């Protein structure tokens, strides 16, 4: 009988026996590193993507502001949201974008392959919640394709845009009521798919209602943000 006290312990080569099993298991338990992405920049007025285009990537806005608009059944777009740094874009379940995203100011983004969306959302509660919200919005967009929407006057679209700008200023710590002078340019008309004349008429109506007024720097000052939101249909 073998004497266990004097028996030699068989030598086990770690690399030959354990490595094929232990190493892959250990590696699978290690936290995965950050997903590499490519830098991308947009000039003011440049589109990140347009409504109906294929989803070819997801994007993280690093700096700048994007305006997201969605075209309605009767043609004119609606201001959906203003996108701020840190937001992940290009999510949802559809193969094509249901809205358009245009740079309000010069923007810098990180671009990831579309398959990275699942991993990014798995490790970030904020991104996961945004994925759920975008998916819900895409379901709603599908429903709207089957239900004709009521006509919307230009003044409502302008009110929605100004309301979004109000909240954007508040988010960035600026005076929310002070709207910058770039409103004098044709950018806003492009955002809202309006003629410059229609934009001017809508602003004049808002001024007559006492919701906005001209500011000394050439822009606007919002006087009644709550009424502006009600007019836009946001609340």
Foldseek 3Di string as FASTA:
>chain_A
DDDPVPDDDDDDDCVVPVCVPPVVVVVVPDDDDDAAWDKDKDAAFDWPDAAPAFQFWKKAWAAAKKWKWAAAPVGWIAGDAIDGGGAIDSAADDGTHRIIIGTNHMTMMTIGGPVCLVVVCVVDVVSVVVNVVVHVVVVVSVVSVVPHDDDDAPLLRVLNVLLNQLVVCVVVVHNSQDDDQCVVDCSVCVVGVHDPVSVVVSVVVCVVVVQWDADPNNHIGGDCSVVSCVSNVVD
